[in-house]
Amino acid sequence: MRDVASTLSVQEVKDLEDLLSHPGWHLFNVLVDSEWGGEAFAGKIARSIGDPAINPTLAVNLLQQATVSREAVMVLMKWPREQVARAKAAAAQRPMASMNRGGL
């Protein structure tokens, strides 16, 4: 996923922080975890590839598709928090950089 932290405005960082603290985001996280989290994901995999009627090649394909899908979901879920952290780190370094240019 694209890193936009260095181009975010102060308002956009605040918007992402508001998103992360919103009850709806927390509810969405619970839903995602219930569908894609460790135990839920393991259960889906076990049901999908544990079916004796599924041919082994198809089972491997299903496992690959599910794994790639889960990774994509997890990247999306982490993106807002990572962008806020990167934007804050970049902002914290900016004043120090300008002080270094100043000379004593």
N, C-alpha and C. Protein backbone atom coordinates (compact mmCIF):
# COMPACT_ATOMS: atom_id res chain seq x y z
N MET A 1 0.84 -1.17 0.00
CA MET A 1 0.00 0.00 0.00
C MET A 1 0.89 1.23 0.00
N ARG A 2 0.45 2.23 -0.68
CA ARG A 2 1.24 3.45 -0.85
C ARG A 2 1.43 4.20 0.47
N ASP A 3 2.65 4.65 0.69
CA ASP A 3 2.99 5.44 1.87
C ASP A 3 2.78 6.91 1.52
N VAL A 4 1.84 7.55 2.19
CA VAL A 4 1.55 8.96 1.92
C VAL A 4 1.87 9.84 3.12
N ALA A 5 2.48 9.27 4.13
CA ALA A 5 2.71 9.99 5.38
C ALA A 5 3.43 11.31 5.17
N SER A 6 4.40 11.34 4.28
CA SER A 6 5.18 12.56 4.09
C SER A 6 4.38 13.67 3.39
N THR A 7 3.25 13.31 2.80
CA THR A 7 2.45 14.32 2.09
C THR A 7 1.16 14.67 2.82
N LEU A 8 0.92 14.08 3.97
CA LEU A 8 -0.32 14.35 4.71
C LEU A 8 -0.27 15.73 5.35
N SER A 9 -1.40 16.42 5.28
CA SER A 9 -1.52 17.69 5.98
C SER A 9 -1.79 17.41 7.46
N VAL A 10 -1.67 18.42 8.28
CA VAL A 10 -1.97 18.29 9.70
C VAL A 10 -3.41 17.82 9.87
N GLN A 11 -4.32 18.37 9.07
CA GLN A 11 -5.73 17.99 9.15
C GLN A 11 -5.93 16.53 8.76
N GLU A 12 -5.22 16.07 7.75
CA GLU A 12 -5.37 14.68 7.33
C GLU A 12 -4.85 13.72 8.40
N VAL A 13 -3.78 14.09 9.06
CA VAL A 13 -3.28 13.27 10.17
C VAL A 13 -4.33 13.22 11.28
N LYS A 14 -4.91 14.37 11.58
CA LYS A 14 -5.97 14.41 12.61
C LYS A 14 -7.16 13.56 12.17
N ASP A 15 -7.52 13.63 10.90
CA ASP A 15 -8.63 12.81 10.39
C ASP A 15 -8.36 11.32 10.58
N LEU A 16 -7.13 10.90 10.30
CA LEU A 16 -6.77 9.49 10.50
C LEU A 16 -6.80 9.13 11.98
N GLU A 17 -6.33 10.03 12.83
CA GLU A 17 -6.40 9.78 14.28
C GLU A 17 -7.85 9.67 14.74
N ASP A 18 -8.71 10.55 14.20
CA ASP A 18 -10.13 10.48 14.54
C ASP A 18 -10.74 9.16 14.07
N LEU A 19 -10.35 8.71 12.88
CA LEU A 19 -10.82 7.43 12.38
C LEU A 19 -10.43 6.31 13.34
N LEU A 20 -9.17 6.31 13.75
CA LEU A 20 -8.67 5.25 14.61
C LEU A 20 -9.33 5.23 15.99
N SER A 21 -9.79 6.38 16.45
CA SER A 21 -10.41 6.42 17.77
C SER A 21 -11.94 6.33 17.70
N HIS A 22 -12.49 6.27 16.51
CA HIS A 22 -13.94 6.22 16.34
C HIS A 22 -14.48 4.84 16.71
N PRO A 23 -15.62 4.79 17.42
CA PRO A 23 -16.20 3.49 17.78
C PRO A 23 -16.50 2.60 16.57
N GLY A 24 -16.85 3.21 15.45
CA GLY A 24 -17.12 2.42 14.25
C GLY A 24 -15.89 1.70 13.75
N TRP A 25 -14.72 2.35 13.88
CA TRP A 25 -13.46 1.70 13.47
C TRP A 25 -13.18 0.50 14.37
N HIS A 26 -13.46 0.68 15.66
CA HIS A 26 -13.23 -0.43 16.59
C HIS A 26 -14.17 -1.59 16.27
N LEU A 27 -15.42 -1.28 15.96
CA LEU A 27 -16.38 -2.31 15.58
C LEU A 27 -15.93 -3.02 14.31
N PHE A 28 -15.46 -2.25 13.34
CA PHE A 28 -14.97 -2.81 12.09
C PHE A 28 -13.78 -3.73 12.35
N ASN A 29 -12.88 -3.33 13.25
CA ASN A 29 -11.73 -4.17 13.62
C ASN A 29 -12.18 -5.50 14.21
N VAL A 30 -13.20 -5.46 15.04
CA VAL A 30 -13.73 -6.69 15.63
C VAL A 30 -14.27 -7.61 14.53
N LEU A 31 -15.00 -7.02 13.58
CA LEU A 31 -15.53 -7.80 12.47
C LEU A 31 -14.40 -8.42 11.64
N VAL A 32 -13.41 -7.61 11.30
CA VAL A 32 -12.29 -8.11 10.50
C VAL A 32 -11.57 -9.23 11.25
N ASP A 33 -11.36 -9.04 12.54
CA ASP A 33 -10.69 -10.08 13.32
C ASP A 33 -11.52 -11.36 13.37
N SER A 34 -12.84 -11.21 13.46
CA SER A 34 -13.69 -12.40 13.52
C SER A 34 -13.69 -13.16 12.19
N GLU A 35 -13.45 -12.46 11.10
CA GLU A 35 -13.44 -13.09 9.78
C GLU A 35 -12.03 -13.51 9.33
N TRP A 36 -11.02 -12.69 9.68
CA TRP A 36 -9.68 -12.90 9.13
C TRP A 36 -8.62 -13.12 10.20
N GLY A 37 -8.97 -13.01 11.47
CA GLY A 37 -8.01 -13.19 12.56
C GLY A 37 -7.52 -14.63 12.63
N GLY A 38 -6.59 -14.86 13.52
CA GLY A 38 -5.91 -16.14 13.62
C GLY A 38 -6.80 -17.36 13.66
N GLU A 39 -7.68 -17.44 14.66
CA GLU A 39 -8.50 -18.64 14.81
C GLU A 39 -9.54 -18.75 13.70
N ALA A 40 -10.14 -17.63 13.33
CA ALA A 40 -11.15 -17.66 12.27
C ALA A 40 -10.51 -18.09 10.95
N PHE A 41 -9.36 -17.53 10.67
CA PHE A 41 -8.66 -17.87 9.43
C PHE A 41 -8.25 -19.34 9.43
N ALA A 42 -7.71 -19.80 10.53
CA ALA A 42 -7.30 -21.21 10.63
C ALA A 42 -8.50 -22.13 10.43
N GLY A 43 -9.64 -21.75 10.99
CA GLY A 43 -10.85 -22.56 10.83
C GLY A 43 -11.30 -22.61 9.38
N LYS A 44 -11.25 -21.46 8.70
CA LYS A 44 -11.63 -21.43 7.29
C LYS A 44 -10.70 -22.30 6.46
N ILE A 45 -9.43 -22.22 6.75
CA ILE A 45 -8.45 -23.02 6.01
C ILE A 45 -8.71 -24.50 6.26
N ALA A 46 -8.90 -24.85 7.50
CA ALA A 46 -9.12 -26.27 7.83
C ALA A 46 -10.37 -26.79 7.13
N ARG A 47 -11.43 -26.00 7.11
CA ARG A 47 -12.66 -26.44 6.45
C ARG A 47 -12.47 -26.53 4.93
N SER A 48 -11.74 -25.57 4.37
CA SER A 48 -11.56 -25.55 2.92
C SER A 48 -10.69 -26.69 2.42
N ILE A 49 -9.53 -26.83 3.02
CA ILE A 49 -8.60 -27.83 2.49
C ILE A 49 -8.77 -29.19 3.17
N GLY A 50 -9.56 -29.24 4.23
CA GLY A 50 -9.78 -30.51 4.92
C GLY A 50 -10.87 -31.34 4.28
N ASP A 51 -11.57 -30.78 3.31
CA ASP A 51 -12.63 -31.50 2.63
C ASP A 51 -12.02 -32.58 1.73
N PRO A 52 -12.31 -33.84 2.01
CA PRO A 52 -11.70 -34.91 1.21
C PRO A 52 -12.15 -34.90 -0.26
N ALA A 53 -13.24 -34.21 -0.55
CA ALA A 53 -13.73 -34.14 -1.93
C ALA A 53 -12.92 -33.17 -2.79
N ILE A 54 -12.14 -32.29 -2.15
CA ILE A 54 -11.36 -31.30 -2.89
C ILE A 54 -10.05 -31.93 -3.33
N ASN A 55 -9.72 -31.74 -4.59
CA ASN A 55 -8.47 -32.31 -5.08
C ASN A 55 -7.30 -31.49 -4.50
N PRO A 56 -6.16 -32.12 -4.27
CA PRO A 56 -5.03 -31.46 -3.61
C PRO A 56 -4.55 -30.19 -4.31
N THR A 57 -4.56 -30.17 -5.63
CA THR A 57 -4.13 -28.97 -6.35
C THR A 57 -5.08 -27.82 -6.07
N LEU A 58 -6.36 -28.09 -6.09
CA LEU A 58 -7.35 -27.06 -5.77
C LEU A 58 -7.18 -26.59 -4.33
N ALA A 59 -6.91 -27.51 -3.43
CA ALA A 59 -6.72 -27.14 -2.02
C ALA A 59 -5.54 -26.18 -1.86
N VAL A 60 -4.45 -26.45 -2.57
CA VAL A 60 -3.28 -25.56 -2.51
C VAL A 60 -3.64 -24.19 -3.08
N ASN A 61 -4.37 -24.16 -4.18
CA ASN A 61 -4.80 -22.88 -4.77
C ASN A 61 -5.69 -22.11 -3.81
N LEU A 62 -6.61 -22.79 -3.15
CA LEU A 62 -7.48 -22.13 -2.18
C LEU A 62 -6.67 -21.56 -1.02
N LEU A 63 -5.70 -22.31 -0.57
CA LEU A 63 -4.84 -21.85 0.52
C LEU A 63 -4.05 -20.61 0.10
N GLN A 64 -3.50 -20.62 -1.10
CA GLN A 64 -2.76 -19.46 -1.60
C GLN A 64 -3.67 -18.24 -1.72
N GLN A 65 -4.85 -18.42 -2.28
CA GLN A 65 -5.78 -17.30 -2.44
C GLN A 65 -6.20 -16.73 -1.09
N ALA A 66 -6.50 -17.60 -0.16
CA ALA A 66 -6.92 -17.15 1.17
C ALA A 66 -5.79 -16.41 1.88
N THR A 67 -4.57 -16.92 1.74
CA THR A 67 -3.42 -16.29 2.40
C THR A 67 -3.15 -14.90 1.82
N VAL A 68 -3.18 -14.78 0.51
CA VAL A 68 -2.96 -13.49 -0.14
C VAL A 68 -4.08 -12.52 0.25
N SER A 69 -5.30 -13.00 0.29
CA SER A 69 -6.43 -12.14 0.68
C SER A 69 -6.28 -11.66 2.11
N ARG A 70 -5.91 -12.55 2.99
CA ARG A 70 -5.73 -12.17 4.40
C ARG A 70 -4.62 -11.13 4.54
N GLU A 71 -3.52 -11.33 3.84
CA GLU A 71 -2.42 -10.37 3.91
C GLU A 71 -2.87 -8.99 3.43
N ALA A 72 -3.65 -8.96 2.36
CA ALA A 72 -4.14 -7.68 1.84
C ALA A 72 -5.06 -6.99 2.85
N VAL A 73 -5.92 -7.75 3.49
CA VAL A 73 -6.81 -7.18 4.51
C VAL A 73 -5.99 -6.63 5.67
N MET A 74 -4.99 -7.37 6.11
CA MET A 74 -4.18 -6.92 7.24
C MET A 74 -3.39 -5.65 6.90
N VAL A 75 -2.90 -5.54 5.67
CA VAL A 75 -2.20 -4.33 5.24
C VAL A 75 -3.15 -3.13 5.31
N LEU A 76 -4.36 -3.31 4.83
CA LEU A 76 -5.35 -2.23 4.86
C LEU A 76 -5.70 -1.83 6.29
N MET A 77 -5.80 -2.80 7.17
CA MET A 77 -6.17 -2.50 8.55
C MET A 77 -5.07 -1.74 9.29
N LYS A 78 -3.82 -2.00 8.94
CA LYS A 78 -2.69 -1.33 9.62
C LYS A 78 -2.38 0.03 9.02
N TRP A 79 -2.82 0.27 7.80
CA TRP A 79 -2.42 1.47 7.06
C TRP A 79 -2.68 2.78 7.81
N PRO A 80 -3.87 3.03 8.34
CA PRO A 80 -4.08 4.33 9.00
C PRO A 80 -3.11 4.57 10.17
N ARG A 81 -2.94 3.57 11.01
CA ARG A 81 -2.05 3.71 12.18
C ARG A 81 -0.60 3.93 11.74
N GLU A 82 -0.17 3.20 10.74
CA GLU A 82 1.20 3.36 10.25
C GLU A 82 1.43 4.74 9.64
N GLN A 83 0.45 5.25 8.92
CA GLN A 83 0.60 6.56 8.29
C GLN A 83 0.66 7.67 9.34
N VAL A 84 -0.15 7.56 10.38
CA VAL A 84 -0.10 8.54 11.48
C VAL A 84 1.26 8.50 12.13
N ALA A 85 1.77 7.31 12.43
CA ALA A 85 3.07 7.19 13.08
C ALA A 85 4.18 7.76 12.20
N ARG A 86 4.15 7.46 10.92
CA ARG A 86 5.18 7.97 10.02
C ARG A 86 5.09 9.48 9.85
N ALA A 87 3.88 9.99 9.76
CA ALA A 87 3.70 11.45 9.61
C ALA A 87 4.21 12.18 10.85
N LYS A 88 3.93 11.62 12.02
CA LYS A 88 4.40 12.25 13.26
C LYS A 88 5.92 12.17 13.37
N ALA A 89 6.48 11.06 12.97
CA ALA A 89 7.94 10.92 13.01
C ALA A 89 8.59 11.91 12.04
N ALA A 90 8.01 12.07 10.86
CA ALA A 90 8.54 13.02 9.88
C ALA A 90 8.43 14.44 10.40
N ALA A 91 7.30 14.77 11.04
CA ALA A 91 7.11 16.12 11.58
C ALA A 91 8.07 16.40 12.71
N ALA A 92 8.37 15.38 13.51
CA ALA A 92 9.29 15.56 14.63
C ALA A 92 10.72 15.81 14.14
N GLN A 93 11.05 15.27 12.99
CA GLN A 93 12.40 15.45 12.46
C GLN A 93 12.56 16.78 11.74
N ARG A 94 11.49 17.34 11.23
CA ARG A 94 11.60 18.60 10.47
C ARG A 94 12.20 19.74 11.27
N PRO A 95 11.75 20.02 12.49
CA PRO A 95 12.35 21.14 13.23
C PRO A 95 13.84 20.93 13.50
N MET A 96 14.23 19.70 13.77
CA MET A 96 15.64 19.43 14.03
C MET A 96 16.46 19.69 12.77
N ALA A 97 15.94 19.34 11.62
CA ALA A 97 16.66 19.56 10.38
C ALA A 97 16.86 21.06 10.13
N SER A 98 15.83 21.85 10.40
CA SER A 98 15.97 23.29 10.17
C SER A 98 16.93 23.91 11.18
N MET A 99 17.00 23.37 12.38
CA MET A 99 17.94 23.88 13.37
C MET A 99 19.37 23.57 12.93
N ASN A 100 19.56 22.43 12.31
CA ASN A 100 20.91 22.05 11.87
C ASN A 100 21.41 22.95 10.75
N ARG A 101 20.50 23.45 9.93
CA ARG A 101 20.91 24.33 8.84
C ARG A 101 21.31 25.70 9.35
N GLY A 102 20.83 26.05 10.50
CA GLY A 102 21.02 27.40 11.03
C GLY A 102 22.43 27.68 11.47
N GLY A 103 23.25 27.04 11.84
CA GLY A 103 24.59 27.46 12.27
C GLY A 103 24.55 28.23 13.59
N LEU A 104 25.56 28.10 14.35
CA LEU A 104 25.61 28.75 15.66
C LEU A 104 26.56 29.90 15.66
